[in-house]
Amino acid sequence: MFTWFTRARDYYVSQSRPKFEAMTLGLAILVGLLIMPALIYLAGRYTLMAYASGGVFALYYDFFKGLFELRPSCWIVVAGPFVFLTLIRLFRLILRKL
């Protein structure tokens, strides 16, 4: 049933180090661009009620507009997943050395 997932995972981990890191960066940025705004919308909708400018598509519009206007908050959302992965890898390395 999940053979496609197993094949994709095996392909991902079998890459050379530079290609693996480039794929990780690309996937993290993709998550930051597409999934994080939706999660932010859901969290805001749950805690603060409706988004002031409209629905989820209005949030995506404002988000991408903020990226082009170089707003730091939007770029932090994009970079967040990669920074989080980097911190996890750093903590794992530190714990391995202990």
PDB file of N, CA and C in Angstrom:
ATOM      1  N   MET A   1       0.816  -1.191   0.000  1.00  0.00           N
ATOM      2  CA  MET A   1       0.000   0.000   0.000  1.00  0.00           C
ATOM      3  C   MET A   1       0.866   1.264   0.000  1.00  0.00           C
ATOM      4  N   PHE A   2       1.912   1.268   0.813  1.00  0.00           N
ATOM      5  CA  PHE A   2       2.770   2.445   0.900  1.00  0.00           C
ATOM      6  C   PHE A   2       4.125   2.202   0.246  1.00  0.00           C
ATOM      7  N   THR A   3       4.156   1.409  -0.800  1.00  0.00           N
ATOM      8  CA  THR A   3       5.436   1.143  -1.451  1.00  0.00           C
ATOM      9  C   THR A   3       5.999   2.389  -2.103  1.00  0.00           C
ATOM     10  N   TRP A   4       5.141   3.290  -2.573  1.00  0.00           N
ATOM     11  CA  TRP A   4       5.631   4.531  -3.178  1.00  0.00           C
ATOM     12  C   TRP A   4       6.349   5.375  -2.141  1.00  0.00           C
ATOM     13  N   PHE A   5       5.834   5.345  -0.900  1.00  0.00           N
ATOM     14  CA  PHE A   5       6.470   6.117   0.171  1.00  0.00           C
ATOM     15  C   PHE A   5       7.828   5.517   0.518  1.00  0.00           C
ATOM     16  N   THR A   6       7.890   4.199   0.579  1.00  0.00           N
ATOM     17  CA  THR A   6       9.151   3.523   0.889  1.00  0.00           C
ATOM     18  C   THR A   6      10.178   3.783  -0.200  1.00  0.00           C
ATOM     19  N   ARG A   7       9.748   3.706  -1.460  1.00  0.00           N
ATOM     20  CA  ARG A   7      10.669   3.990  -2.566  1.00  0.00           C
ATOM     21  C   ARG A   7      11.157   5.430  -2.530  1.00  0.00           C
ATOM     22  N   ALA A   8      10.253   6.374  -2.247  1.00  0.00           N
ATOM     23  CA  ALA A   8      10.636   7.793  -2.187  1.00  0.00           C
ATOM     24  C   ALA A   8      11.607   8.027  -1.034  1.00  0.00           C
ATOM     25  N   ARG A   9      11.346   7.418   0.112  1.00  0.00           N
ATOM     26  CA  ARG A   9      12.243   7.582   1.259  1.00  0.00           C
ATOM     27  C   ARG A   9      13.610   6.996   0.965  1.00  0.00           C
ATOM     28  N   ASP A  10      13.647   5.794   0.366  1.00  0.00           N
ATOM     29  CA  ASP A  10      14.925   5.164   0.028  1.00  0.00           C
ATOM     30  C   ASP A  10      15.706   5.995  -0.976  1.00  0.00           C
ATOM     31  N   TYR A  11      15.008   6.573  -1.953  1.00  0.00           N
ATOM     32  CA  TYR A  11      15.671   7.437  -2.926  1.00  0.00           C
ATOM     33  C   TYR A  11      16.227   8.687  -2.248  1.00  0.00           C
ATOM     34  N   TYR A  12      15.461   9.250  -1.331  1.00  0.00           N
ATOM     35  CA  TYR A  12      15.847  10.477  -0.643  1.00  0.00           C
ATOM     36  C   TYR A  12      17.099  10.268   0.199  1.00  0.00           C
ATOM     37  N   VAL A  13      17.154   9.194   0.970  1.00  0.00           N
ATOM     38  CA  VAL A  13      18.303   8.980   1.855  1.00  0.00           C
ATOM     39  C   VAL A  13      19.514   8.410   1.127  1.00  0.00           C
ATOM     40  N   SER A  14      19.332   7.923  -0.103  1.00  0.00           N
ATOM     41  CA  SER A  14      20.464   7.356  -0.828  1.00  0.00           C
ATOM     42  C   SER A  14      21.236   8.400  -1.644  1.00  0.00           C
ATOM     43  N   GLN A  15      20.808   9.625  -1.631  1.00  0.00           N
ATOM     44  CA  GLN A  15      21.459  10.679  -2.415  1.00  0.00           C
ATOM     45  C   GLN A  15      22.786  11.073  -1.788  1.00  0.00           C
ATOM     46  N   SER A  16      23.646  11.689  -2.606  1.00  0.00           N
ATOM     47  CA  SER A  16      24.896  12.226  -2.077  1.00  0.00           C
ATOM     48  C   SER A  16      24.577  13.360  -1.109  1.00  0.00           C
ATOM     49  N   ARG A  17      25.538  13.696  -0.274  1.00  0.00           N
ATOM     50  CA  ARG A  17      25.301  14.698   0.769  1.00  0.00           C
ATOM     51  C   ARG A  17      24.829  16.047   0.217  1.00  0.00           C
ATOM     52  N   PRO A  18      25.492  16.619  -0.803  1.00  0.00           N
ATOM     53  CA  PRO A  18      25.011  17.915  -1.322  1.00  0.00           C
ATOM     54  C   PRO A  18      23.599  17.833  -1.909  1.00  0.00           C
ATOM     55  N   LYS A  19      23.311  16.753  -2.627  1.00  0.00           N
ATOM     56  CA  LYS A  19      21.979  16.609  -3.207  1.00  0.00           C
ATOM     57  C   LYS A  19      20.934  16.394  -2.114  1.00  0.00           C
ATOM     58  N   PHE A  20      21.286  15.632  -1.077  1.00  0.00           N
ATOM     59  CA  PHE A  20      20.377  15.415   0.046  1.00  0.00           C
ATOM     60  C   PHE A  20      20.054  16.734   0.742  1.00  0.00           C
ATOM     61  N   GLU A  21      21.074  17.552   0.977  1.00  0.00           N
ATOM     62  CA  GLU A  21      20.869  18.846   1.630  1.00  0.00           C
ATOM     63  C   GLU A  21      20.054  19.790   0.753  1.00  0.00           C
ATOM     64  N   ALA A  22      20.294  19.766  -0.564  1.00  0.00           N
ATOM     65  CA  ALA A  22      19.527  20.618  -1.473  1.00  0.00           C
ATOM     66  C   ALA A  22      18.059  20.190  -1.507  1.00  0.00           C
ATOM     67  N   MET A  23      17.814  18.885  -1.504  1.00  0.00           N
ATOM     68  CA  MET A  23      16.438  18.399  -1.483  1.00  0.00           C
ATOM     69  C   MET A  23      15.756  18.744  -0.158  1.00  0.00           C
ATOM     70  N   THR A  24      16.495  18.642   0.938  1.00  0.00           N
ATOM     71  CA  THR A  24      15.945  19.003   2.245  1.00  0.00           C
ATOM     72  C   THR A  24      15.594  20.480   2.287  1.00  0.00           C
ATOM     73  N   LEU A  25      16.473  21.326   1.787  1.00  0.00           N
ATOM     74  CA  LEU A  25      16.198  22.760   1.736  1.00  0.00           C
ATOM     75  C   LEU A  25      14.972  23.046   0.868  1.00  0.00           C
ATOM     76  N   GLY A  26      14.897  22.409  -0.295  1.00  0.00           N
ATOM     77  CA  GLY A  26      13.755  22.620  -1.182  1.00  0.00           C
ATOM     78  C   GLY A  26      12.442  22.181  -0.555  1.00  0.00           C
ATOM     79  N   LEU A  27      12.442  21.024   0.093  1.00  0.00           N
ATOM     80  CA  LEU A  27      11.224  20.546   0.747  1.00  0.00           C
ATOM     81  C   LEU A  27      10.824  21.450   1.910  1.00  0.00           C
ATOM     82  N   ALA A  28      11.810  21.917   2.678  1.00  0.00           N
ATOM     83  CA  ALA A  28      11.503  22.803   3.810  1.00  0.00           C
ATOM     84  C   ALA A  28      10.936  24.131   3.329  1.00  0.00           C
ATOM     85  N   ILE A  29      11.480  24.670   2.256  1.00  0.00           N
ATOM     86  CA  ILE A  29      10.952  25.925   1.711  1.00  0.00           C
ATOM     87  C   ILE A  29       9.553  25.710   1.140  1.00  0.00           C
ATOM     88  N   LEU A  30       9.337  24.577   0.502  1.00  0.00           N
ATOM     89  CA  LEU A  30       8.003  24.265  -0.013  1.00  0.00           C
ATOM     90  C   LEU A  30       6.984  24.175   1.119  1.00  0.00           C
ATOM     91  N   VAL A  31       7.367  23.561   2.222  1.00  0.00           N
ATOM     92  CA  VAL A  31       6.489  23.501   3.402  1.00  0.00           C
ATOM     93  C   VAL A  31       6.241  24.906   3.932  1.00  0.00           C
ATOM     94  N   GLY A  32       7.287  25.725   3.986  1.00  0.00           N
ATOM     95  CA  GLY A  32       7.136  27.097   4.463  1.00  0.00           C
ATOM     96  C   GLY A  32       6.250  27.946   3.576  1.00  0.00           C
ATOM     97  N   LEU A  33       6.262  27.677   2.286  1.00  0.00           N
ATOM     98  CA  LEU A  33       5.451  28.459   1.354  1.00  0.00           C
ATOM     99  C   LEU A  33       3.996  28.000   1.290  1.00  0.00           C
ATOM    100  N   LEU A  34       3.758  26.704   1.371  1.00  0.00           N
ATOM    101  CA  LEU A  34       2.413  26.186   1.132  1.00  0.00           C
ATOM    102  C   LEU A  34       1.674  25.729   2.387  1.00  0.00           C
ATOM    103  N   ILE A  35       2.364  25.069   3.295  1.00  0.00           N
ATOM    104  CA  ILE A  35       1.679  24.465   4.439  1.00  0.00           C
ATOM    105  C   ILE A  35       1.636  25.399   5.645  1.00  0.00           C
ATOM    106  N   MET A  36       2.713  26.104   5.911  1.00  0.00           N
ATOM    107  CA  MET A  36       2.754  26.969   7.094  1.00  0.00           C
ATOM    108  C   MET A  36       1.678  28.061   7.078  1.00  0.00           C
ATOM    109  N   PRO A  37       1.425  28.750   5.955  1.00  0.00           N
ATOM    110  CA  PRO A  37       0.341  29.741   5.985  1.00  0.00           C
ATOM    111  C   PRO A  37      -1.015  29.120   6.306  1.00  0.00           C
ATOM    112  N   ALA A  38      -1.268  27.909   5.811  1.00  0.00           N
ATOM    113  CA  ALA A  38      -2.535  27.246   6.122  1.00  0.00           C
ATOM    114  C   ALA A  38      -2.618  26.906   7.612  1.00  0.00           C
ATOM    115  N   LEU A  39      -1.518  26.461   8.193  1.00  0.00           N
ATOM    116  CA  LEU A  39      -1.511  26.170   9.628  1.00  0.00           C
ATOM    117  C   LEU A  39      -1.675  27.442  10.458  1.00  0.00           C
ATOM    118  N   ILE A  40      -1.061  28.517  10.006  1.00  0.00           N
ATOM    119  CA  ILE A  40      -1.220  29.801  10.691  1.00  0.00           C
ATOM    120  C   ILE A  40      -2.668  30.264  10.609  1.00  0.00           C
ATOM    121  N   TYR A  41      -3.277  30.075   9.444  1.00  0.00           N
ATOM    122  CA  TYR A  41      -4.688  30.447   9.275  1.00  0.00           C
ATOM    123  C   TYR A  41      -5.569  29.636  10.223  1.00  0.00           C
ATOM    124  N   LEU A  42      -5.338  28.323  10.282  1.00  0.00           N
ATOM    125  CA  LEU A  42      -6.156  27.480  11.155  1.00  0.00           C
ATOM    126  C   LEU A  42      -5.984  27.846  12.623  1.00  0.00           C
ATOM    127  N   ALA A  43      -4.760  28.100  13.035  1.00  0.00           N
ATOM    128  CA  ALA A  43      -4.526  28.488  14.432  1.00  0.00           C
ATOM    129  C   ALA A  43      -5.172  29.835  14.738  1.00  0.00           C
ATOM    130  N   GLY A  44      -5.066  30.776  13.814  1.00  0.00           N
ATOM    131  CA  GLY A  44      -5.686  32.079  14.014  1.00  0.00           C
ATOM    132  C   GLY A  44      -7.195  32.005  13.998  1.00  0.00           C
ATOM    133  N   ARG A  45      -7.725  31.172  13.134  1.00  0.00           N
ATOM    134  CA  ARG A  45      -9.184  31.005  13.059  1.00  0.00           C
ATOM    135  C   ARG A  45      -9.719  30.387  14.358  1.00  0.00           C
ATOM    136  N   TYR A  46      -8.967  29.453  14.914  1.00  0.00           N
ATOM    137  CA  TYR A  46      -9.389  28.788  16.148  1.00  0.00           C
ATOM    138  C   TYR A  46      -9.311  29.732  17.348  1.00  0.00           C
ATOM    139  N   THR A  47      -8.261  30.541  17.416  1.00  0.00           N
ATOM    140  CA  THR A  47      -8.067  31.382  18.598  1.00  0.00           C
ATOM    141  C   THR A  47      -8.639  32.788  18.454  1.00  0.00           C
ATOM    142  N   LEU A  48      -8.555  33.365  17.252  1.00  0.00           N
ATOM    143  CA  LEU A  48      -8.937  34.761  17.065  1.00  0.00           C
ATOM    144  C   LEU A  48     -10.191  34.962  16.223  1.00  0.00           C
ATOM    145  N   MET A  49     -10.789  33.895  15.775  1.00  0.00           N
ATOM    146  CA  MET A  49     -11.961  33.896  14.888  1.00  0.00           C
ATOM    147  C   MET A  49     -11.547  34.238  13.456  1.00  0.00           C
ATOM    148  N   ALA A  50     -12.430  34.813  12.675  1.00  0.00           N
ATOM    149  CA  ALA A  50     -12.218  34.977  11.236  1.00  0.00           C
ATOM    150  C   ALA A  50     -11.060  35.917  10.924  1.00  0.00           C
ATOM    151  N   TYR A  51     -10.413  35.648   9.776  1.00  0.00           N
ATOM    152  CA  TYR A  51      -9.344  36.511   9.284  1.00  0.00           C
ATOM    153  C   TYR A  51      -9.960  37.821   8.802  1.00  0.00           C
ATOM    154  N   ALA A  52      -9.357  38.926   9.153  1.00  0.00           N
ATOM    155  CA  ALA A  52      -9.954  40.244   8.908  1.00  0.00           C
ATOM    156  C   ALA A  52     -10.139  40.539   7.418  1.00  0.00           C
ATOM    157  N   SER A  53      -9.229  40.078   6.575  1.00  0.00           N
ATOM    158  CA  SER A  53      -9.304  40.403   5.147  1.00  0.00           C
ATOM    159  C   SER A  53     -10.123  39.401   4.336  1.00  0.00           C
ATOM    160  N   GLY A  54     -10.575  38.337   4.950  1.00  0.00           N
ATOM    161  CA  GLY A  54     -11.347  37.334   4.213  1.00  0.00           C
ATOM    162  C   GLY A  54     -11.015  35.940   4.689  1.00  0.00           C
ATOM    163  N   GLY A  55     -10.895  35.008   3.759  1.00  0.00           N
ATOM    164  CA  GLY A  55     -10.646  33.616   4.083  1.00  0.00           C
ATOM    165  C   GLY A  55      -9.190  33.234   3.917  1.00  0.00           C
ATOM    166  N   VAL A  56      -8.982  31.940   3.725  1.00  0.00           N
ATOM    167  CA  VAL A  56      -7.630  31.411   3.626  1.00  0.00           C
ATOM    168  C   VAL A  56      -6.921  31.922   2.369  1.00  0.00           C
ATOM    169  N   PHE A  57      -7.652  32.107   1.282  1.00  0.00           N
ATOM    170  CA  PHE A  57      -7.012  32.605   0.065  1.00  0.00           C
ATOM    171  C   PHE A  57      -6.586  34.061   0.204  1.00  0.00           C
ATOM    172  N   ALA A  58      -7.318  34.830   0.983  1.00  0.00           N
ATOM    173  CA  ALA A  58      -6.903  36.204   1.266  1.00  0.00           C
ATOM    174  C   ALA A  58      -5.619  36.210   2.083  1.00  0.00           C
ATOM    175  N   LEU A  59      -5.488  35.241   2.999  1.00  0.00           N
ATOM    176  CA  LEU A  59      -4.253  35.147   3.778  1.00  0.00           C
ATOM    177  C   LEU A  59      -3.088  34.773   2.874  1.00  0.00           C
ATOM    178  N   TYR A  60      -3.304  33.824   1.958  1.00  0.00           N
ATOM    179  CA  TYR A  60      -2.238  33.470   1.015  1.00  0.00           C
ATOM    180  C   TYR A  60      -1.856  34.662   0.146  1.00  0.00           C
ATOM    181  N   TYR A  61      -2.839  35.426  -0.293  1.00  0.00           N
ATOM    182  CA  TYR A  61      -2.554  36.618  -1.096  1.00  0.00           C
ATOM    183  C   TYR A  61      -1.711  37.605  -0.292  1.00  0.00           C
ATOM    184  N   ASP A  62      -2.122  37.880   0.945  1.00  0.00           N
ATOM    185  CA  ASP A  62      -1.354  38.802   1.787  1.00  0.00           C
ATOM    186  C   ASP A  62       0.038  38.253   2.095  1.00  0.00           C
ATOM    187  N   PHE A  63       0.129  36.944   2.260  1.00  0.00           N
ATOM    188  CA  PHE A  63       1.421  36.318   2.558  1.00  0.00           C
ATOM    189  C   PHE A  63       2.388  36.479   1.386  1.00  0.00           C
ATOM    190  N   PHE A  64       1.945  36.122   0.182  1.00  0.00           N
ATOM    191  CA  PHE A  64       2.838  36.251  -0.979  1.00  0.00           C
ATOM    192  C   PHE A  64       3.123  37.716  -1.317  1.00  0.00           C
ATOM    193  N   LYS A  65       2.163  38.578  -1.073  1.00  0.00           N
ATOM    194  CA  LYS A  65       2.405  40.009  -1.246  1.00  0.00           C
ATOM    195  C   LYS A  65       3.479  40.476  -0.267  1.00  0.00           C
ATOM    196  N   GLY A  66       3.425  39.970   0.964  1.00  0.00           N
ATOM    197  CA  GLY A  66       4.447  40.301   1.955  1.00  0.00           C
ATOM    198  C   GLY A  66       5.814  39.774   1.586  1.00  0.00           C
ATOM    199  N   LEU A  67       5.863  38.622   0.927  1.00  0.00           N
ATOM    200  CA  LEU A  67       7.149  38.100   0.465  1.00  0.00           C
ATOM    201  C   LEU A  67       7.767  39.026  -0.567  1.00  0.00           C
ATOM    202  N   PHE A  68       6.952  39.523  -1.512  1.00  0.00           N
ATOM    203  CA  PHE A  68       7.466  40.423  -2.534  1.00  0.00           C
ATOM    204  C   PHE A  68       7.811  41.798  -1.978  1.00  0.00           C
ATOM    205  N   GLU A  69       7.142  42.193  -0.888  1.00  0.00           N
ATOM    206  CA  GLU A  69       7.451  43.468  -0.236  1.00  0.00           C
ATOM    207  C   GLU A  69       8.579  43.325   0.778  1.00  0.00           C
ATOM    208  N   LEU A  70       9.134  42.131   0.898  1.00  0.00           N
ATOM    209  CA  LEU A  70      10.259  41.820   1.788  1.00  0.00           C
ATOM    210  C   LEU A  70       9.935  42.057   3.264  1.00  0.00           C
ATOM    211  N   ARG A  71       8.739  41.696   3.673  1.00  0.00           N
ATOM    212  CA  ARG A  71       8.393  41.772   5.087  1.00  0.00           C
ATOM    213  C   ARG A  71       9.107  40.651   5.842  1.00  0.00           C
ATOM    214  N   PRO A  72       9.803  40.990   6.921  1.00  0.00           N
ATOM    215  CA  PRO A  72      10.543  39.957   7.666  1.00  0.00           C
ATOM    216  C   PRO A  72       9.645  38.850   8.229  1.00  0.00           C
ATOM    217  N   SER A  73       8.438  39.190   8.645  1.00  0.00           N
ATOM    218  CA  SER A  73       7.557  38.171   9.220  1.00  0.00           C
ATOM    219  C   SER A  73       7.218  37.084   8.205  1.00  0.00           C
ATOM    220  N   CYS A  74       7.017  37.437   6.976  1.00  0.00           N
ATOM    221  CA  CYS A  74       6.703  36.450   5.938  1.00  0.00           C
ATOM    222  C   CYS A  74       7.923  35.581   5.630  1.00  0.00           C
ATOM    223  N   TRP A  75       9.088  36.182   5.609  1.00  0.00           N
ATOM    224  CA  TRP A  75      10.292  35.409   5.337  1.00  0.00           C
ATOM    225  C   TRP A  75      10.654  34.493   6.494  1.00  0.00           C
ATOM    226  N   ILE A  76      10.307  34.878   7.708  1.00  0.00           N
ATOM    227  CA  ILE A  76      10.521  34.001   8.866  1.00  0.00           C
ATOM    228  C   ILE A  76       9.643  32.767   8.747  1.00  0.00           C
ATOM    229  N   VAL A  77       8.418  32.946   8.267  1.00  0.00           N
ATOM    230  CA  VAL A  77       7.519  31.806   8.065  1.00  0.00           C
ATOM    231  C   VAL A  77       8.096  30.861   7.017  1.00  0.00           C
ATOM    232  N   VAL A  78       8.663  31.391   5.949  1.00  0.00           N
ATOM    233  CA  VAL A  78       9.234  30.554   4.899  1.00  0.00           C
ATOM    234  C   VAL A  78      10.473  29.817   5.412  1.00  0.00           C
ATOM    235  N   ALA A  79      11.324  30.501   6.141  1.00  0.00           N
ATOM    236  CA  ALA A  79      12.570  29.899   6.624  1.00  0.00           C
ATOM    237  C   ALA A  79      12.369  29.038   7.862  1.00  0.00           C
ATOM    238  N   GLY A  80      11.239  29.170   8.525  1.00  0.00           N
ATOM    239  CA  GLY A  80      10.998  28.468   9.780  1.00  0.00           C
ATOM    240  C   GLY A  80      11.195  26.962   9.738  1.00  0.00           C
ATOM    241  N   PRO A  81      10.617  26.242   8.781  1.00  0.00           N
ATOM    242  CA  PRO A  81      10.805  24.785   8.765  1.00  0.00           C
ATOM    243  C   PRO A  81      12.271  24.365   8.603  1.00  0.00           C
ATOM    244  N   PHE A  82      13.032  25.065   7.772  1.00  0.00           N
ATOM    245  CA  PHE A  82      14.441  24.701   7.608  1.00  0.00           C
ATOM    246  C   PHE A  82      15.232  25.008   8.874  1.00  0.00           C
ATOM    247  N   VAL A  83      14.950  26.123   9.511  1.00  0.00           N
ATOM    248  CA  VAL A  83      15.634  26.455  10.775  1.00  0.00           C
ATOM    249  C   VAL A  83      15.290  25.421  11.838  1.00  0.00           C
ATOM    250  N   PHE A  84      14.021  25.013  11.887  1.00  0.00           N
ATOM    251  CA  PHE A  84      13.594  24.001  12.851  1.00  0.00           C
ATOM    252  C   PHE A  84      14.318  22.676  12.603  1.00  0.00           C
ATOM    253  N   LEU A  85      14.405  22.242  11.348  1.00  0.00           N
ATOM    254  CA  LEU A  85      15.132  21.018  11.027  1.00  0.00           C
ATOM    255  C   LEU A  85      16.612  21.133  11.386  1.00  0.00           C
ATOM    256  N   THR A  86      17.198  22.279  11.128  1.00  0.00           N
ATOM    257  CA  THR A  86      18.605  22.488  11.447  1.00  0.00           C
ATOM    258  C   THR A  86      18.840  22.430  12.947  1.00  0.00           C
ATOM    259  N   LEU A  87      17.948  23.021  13.730  1.00  0.00           N
ATOM    260  CA  LEU A  87      18.086  22.955  15.181  1.00  0.00           C
ATOM    261  C   LEU A  87      17.939  21.532  15.698  1.00  0.00           C
ATOM    262  N   ILE A  88      16.995  20.783  15.148  1.00  0.00           N
ATOM    263  CA  ILE A  88      16.841  19.382  15.559  1.00  0.00           C
ATOM    264  C   ILE A  88      18.103  18.586  15.243  1.00  0.00           C
ATOM    265  N   ARG A  89      18.666  18.799  14.060  1.00  0.00           N
ATOM    266  CA  ARG A  89      19.893  18.091  13.698  1.00  0.00           C
ATOM    267  C   ARG A  89      21.057  18.497  14.596  1.00  0.00           C
ATOM    268  N   LEU A  90      21.128  19.777  14.943  1.00  0.00           N
ATOM    269  CA  LEU A  90      22.177  20.254  15.826  1.00  0.00           C
ATOM    270  C   LEU A  90      22.049  19.639  17.215  1.00  0.00           C
ATOM    271  N   PHE A  91      20.825  19.603  17.757  1.00  0.00           N
ATOM    272  CA  PHE A  91      20.614  19.000  19.076  1.00  0.00           C
ATOM    273  C   PHE A  91      20.916  17.504  19.065  1.00  0.00           C
ATOM    274  N   ARG A  92      20.560  16.817  17.977  1.00  0.00           N
ATOM    275  CA  ARG A  92      20.894  15.394  17.873  1.00  0.00           C
ATOM    276  C   ARG A  92      22.403  15.186  17.856  1.00  0.00           C
ATOM    277  N   LEU A  93      23.128  16.052  17.159  1.00  0.00           N
ATOM    278  CA  LEU A  93      24.580  15.950  17.113  1.00  0.00           C
ATOM    279  C   LEU A  93      25.179  16.185  18.491  1.00  0.00           C
ATOM    280  N   ILE A  94      24.676  17.185  19.198  1.00  0.00           N
ATOM    281  CA  ILE A  94      25.188  17.478  20.541  1.00  0.00           C
ATOM    282  C   ILE A  94      24.907  16.304  21.482  1.00  0.00           C
ATOM    283  N   LEU A  95      23.696  15.748  21.413  1.00  0.00           N
ATOM    284  CA  LEU A  95      23.358  14.614  22.282  1.00  0.00           C
ATOM    285  C   LEU A  95      24.170  13.373  21.944  1.00  0.00           C
ATOM    286  N   ARG A  96      24.495  13.196  20.676  1.00  0.00           N
ATOM    287  CA  ARG A  96      25.322  12.062  20.280  1.00  0.00           C
ATOM    288  C   ARG A  96      26.749  12.179  20.832  1.00  0.00           C
ATOM    289  N   LYS A  97      27.231  13.418  20.947  1.00  0.00           N
ATOM    290  CA  LYS A  97      28.584  13.649  21.443  1.00  0.00           C
ATOM    291  C   LYS A  97      28.685  13.499  22.963  1.00  0.00           C
ATOM    292  N   LEU A  98      27.567  13.572  23.659  1.00  0.00           N
ATOM    293  CA  LEU A  98      27.587  13.455  25.129  1.00  0.00           C
ATOM    294  C   LEU A  98      27.779  12.044  25.588  1.00  0.00           C
TER     295      LEU A  98
END
